[in-house]
Amino acid sequence: MGRDRRHGAVADAAGFGWAVAVIGAAEALIAIWVITGWAPVAAAAVQTAAIVAMNAGGLWRARCLIADPAGMILQNAAFLMLAWVAAGVIHGL
């Protein structure tokens, strides 16, 4: 898993740069989990918790390194909306 310099700098400044490979592996496992269709609400909840934690850490400790904080939040909110739609919790969109 190659490390993007900008993302690496944010992760380092946020205090979890040491865990970038672990986070990447966990994200890959979550993707496999979602593809299997097993416990979709739990998968969406885990993904939501992970994104909220990573975004909060980045904004709290490395905001100056994030090129577009509002855009990051908007993109992740859209992604999470799709995760919850796929989990069957949000209907009619």
C-alpha atoms as a PDB file:
ATOM      1  CA  MET A   1       0.000   0.000   0.000  1.00  0.00           C
ATOM      2  CA  GLY A   2       1.701   3.140  -1.228  1.00  0.00           C
ATOM      3  CA  ARG A   3       1.499   6.155   0.985  1.00  0.00           C
ATOM      4  CA  ASP A   4       0.384   9.488  -0.481  1.00  0.00           C
ATOM      5  CA  ARG A   5       2.695  12.203   0.870  1.00  0.00           C
ATOM      6  CA  ARG A   6      -0.112  14.627   1.705  1.00  0.00           C
ATOM      7  CA  HIS A   7      -2.195  11.990   3.440  1.00  0.00           C
ATOM      8  CA  GLY A   8       0.909  10.755   5.196  1.00  0.00           C
ATOM      9  CA  ALA A   9       1.685  14.247   6.491  1.00  0.00           C
ATOM     10  CA  VAL A  10      -1.860  14.648   7.823  1.00  0.00           C
ATOM     11  CA  ALA A  11      -1.750  11.197   9.458  1.00  0.00           C
ATOM     12  CA  ASP A  12       1.643  11.974  11.021  1.00  0.00           C
ATOM     13  CA  ALA A  13       0.451  15.347  12.334  1.00  0.00           C
ATOM     14  CA  ALA A  14      -2.768  13.804  13.670  1.00  0.00           C
ATOM     15  CA  GLY A  15      -0.718  11.254  15.591  1.00  0.00           C
ATOM     16  CA  PHE A  16      -1.656   8.095  13.735  1.00  0.00           C
ATOM     17  CA  GLY A  17       0.938   8.037  10.966  1.00  0.00           C
ATOM     18  CA  TRP A  18       2.381   4.881  12.481  1.00  0.00           C
ATOM     19  CA  ALA A  19      -0.931   3.147  11.765  1.00  0.00           C
ATOM     20  CA  VAL A  20      -1.455   4.087   8.108  1.00  0.00           C
ATOM     21  CA  ALA A  21      -0.849   0.536   6.850  1.00  0.00           C
ATOM     22  CA  VAL A  22      -3.157  -0.899   9.534  1.00  0.00           C
ATOM     23  CA  ILE A  23      -5.858   1.643   8.659  1.00  0.00           C
ATOM     24  CA  GLY A  24      -5.497   0.780   4.958  1.00  0.00           C
ATOM     25  CA  ALA A  25      -5.800  -2.927   5.693  1.00  0.00           C
ATOM     26  CA  ALA A  26      -8.842  -2.299   7.910  1.00  0.00           C
ATOM     27  CA  GLU A  27     -10.487  -0.254   5.138  1.00  0.00           C
ATOM     28  CA  ALA A  28      -9.860  -3.107   2.685  1.00  0.00           C
ATOM     29  CA  LEU A  29     -11.448  -5.566   5.116  1.00  0.00           C
ATOM     30  CA  ILE A  30     -14.460  -3.266   5.540  1.00  0.00           C
ATOM     31  CA  ALA A  31     -14.814  -3.190   1.740  1.00  0.00           C
ATOM     32  CA  ILE A  32     -14.809  -6.992   1.631  1.00  0.00           C
ATOM     33  CA  TRP A  33     -17.354  -7.010   4.466  1.00  0.00           C
ATOM     34  CA  VAL A  34     -19.648  -4.674   2.527  1.00  0.00           C
ATOM     35  CA  ILE A  35     -19.322  -6.747  -0.657  1.00  0.00           C
ATOM     36  CA  THR A  36     -20.356  -9.914   1.208  1.00  0.00           C
ATOM     37  CA  GLY A  37     -23.597  -8.251   2.314  1.00  0.00           C
ATOM     38  CA  TRP A  38     -23.263  -9.669   5.827  1.00  0.00           C
ATOM     39  CA  ALA A  39     -24.620  -7.380   8.603  1.00  0.00           C
ATOM     40  CA  PRO A  40     -24.856  -4.268   6.410  1.00  0.00           C
ATOM     41  CA  VAL A  41     -25.992  -1.943   9.211  1.00  0.00           C
ATOM     42  CA  ALA A  42     -23.023  -2.940  11.350  1.00  0.00           C
ATOM     43  CA  ALA A  43     -20.694  -2.436   8.361  1.00  0.00           C
ATOM     44  CA  ALA A  44     -22.107   1.051   7.768  1.00  0.00           C
ATOM     45  CA  ALA A  45     -21.738   1.848  11.467  1.00  0.00           C
ATOM     46  CA  VAL A  46     -18.115   0.708  11.540  1.00  0.00           C
ATOM     47  CA  GLN A  47     -17.335   2.692   8.381  1.00  0.00           C
ATOM     48  CA  THR A  48     -19.054   5.764   9.856  1.00  0.00           C
ATOM     49  CA  ALA A  49     -17.084   5.489  13.090  1.00  0.00           C
ATOM     50  CA  ALA A  50     -13.810   5.084  11.195  1.00  0.00           C
ATOM     51  CA  ILE A  51     -14.413   8.080   8.925  1.00  0.00           C
ATOM     52  CA  VAL A  52     -15.618  10.300  11.771  1.00  0.00           C
ATOM     53  CA  ALA A  53     -12.566   9.375  13.862  1.00  0.00           C
ATOM     54  CA  MET A  54     -10.108   9.940  11.005  1.00  0.00           C
ATOM     55  CA  ASN A  55     -11.729  13.223   9.962  1.00  0.00           C
ATOM     56  CA  ALA A  56     -11.906  14.493  13.537  1.00  0.00           C
ATOM     57  CA  GLY A  57      -8.272  13.599  14.172  1.00  0.00           C
ATOM     58  CA  GLY A  58      -7.168  15.241  10.956  1.00  0.00           C
ATOM     59  CA  LEU A  59      -9.178  18.412  11.561  1.00  0.00           C
ATOM     60  CA  TRP A  60      -8.130  18.640  15.189  1.00  0.00           C
ATOM     61  CA  ARG A  61      -4.408  17.990  14.782  1.00  0.00           C
ATOM     62  CA  ALA A  62      -3.611  18.757  11.124  1.00  0.00           C
ATOM     63  CA  ARG A  63      -6.234  21.165   9.775  1.00  0.00           C
ATOM     64  CA  CYS A  64      -3.552  23.392   8.224  1.00  0.00           C
ATOM     65  CA  LEU A  65      -2.366  20.450   6.088  1.00  0.00           C
ATOM     66  CA  ILE A  66      -5.809  19.633   4.674  1.00  0.00           C
ATOM     67  CA  ALA A  67      -6.245  21.506   1.396  1.00  0.00           C
ATOM     68  CA  ASP A  68     -10.056  21.666   1.518  1.00  0.00           C
ATOM     69  CA  PRO A  69     -11.491  20.717   4.923  1.00  0.00           C
ATOM     70  CA  ALA A  70     -15.080  21.557   3.954  1.00  0.00           C
ATOM     71  CA  GLY A  71     -14.750  19.542   0.747  1.00  0.00           C
ATOM     72  CA  MET A  72     -13.340  16.597   2.705  1.00  0.00           C
ATOM     73  CA  ILE A  73     -16.319  16.654   5.051  1.00  0.00           C
ATOM     74  CA  LEU A  74     -18.792  16.985   2.182  1.00  0.00           C
ATOM     75  CA  GLN A  75     -17.233  14.099   0.227  1.00  0.00           C
ATOM     76  CA  ASN A  76     -17.196  11.858   3.275  1.00  0.00           C
ATOM     77  CA  ALA A  77     -20.785  12.797   4.181  1.00  0.00           C
ATOM     78  CA  ALA A  78     -21.896  11.831   0.658  1.00  0.00           C
ATOM     79  CA  PHE A  79     -19.981   8.548   0.902  1.00  0.00           C
ATOM     80  CA  LEU A  80     -21.536   7.761   4.281  1.00  0.00           C
ATOM     81  CA  MET A  81     -25.006   8.581   2.961  1.00  0.00           C
ATOM     82  CA  LEU A  82     -24.437   5.974   0.251  1.00  0.00           C
ATOM     83  CA  ALA A  83     -23.189   3.492   2.851  1.00  0.00           C
ATOM     84  CA  TRP A  84     -26.407   3.908   4.843  1.00  0.00           C
ATOM     85  CA  VAL A  85     -28.550   3.686   1.693  1.00  0.00           C
ATOM     86  CA  ALA A  86     -26.745   0.456   0.751  1.00  0.00           C
ATOM     87  CA  ALA A  87     -27.321  -0.850   4.291  1.00  0.00           C
ATOM     88  CA  GLY A  88     -31.049  -0.318   3.772  1.00  0.00           C
ATOM     89  CA  VAL A  89     -31.439   2.214   6.573  1.00  0.00           C
ATOM     90  CA  ILE A  90     -32.152   5.240   4.377  1.00  0.00           C
ATOM     91  CA  HIS A  91     -34.877   4.786   1.771  1.00  0.00           C
ATOM     92  CA  GLY A  92     -36.390   6.855  -1.017  1.00  0.00           C
ATOM     93  CA  LEU A  93     -33.358   8.760  -2.246  1.00  0.00           C
END
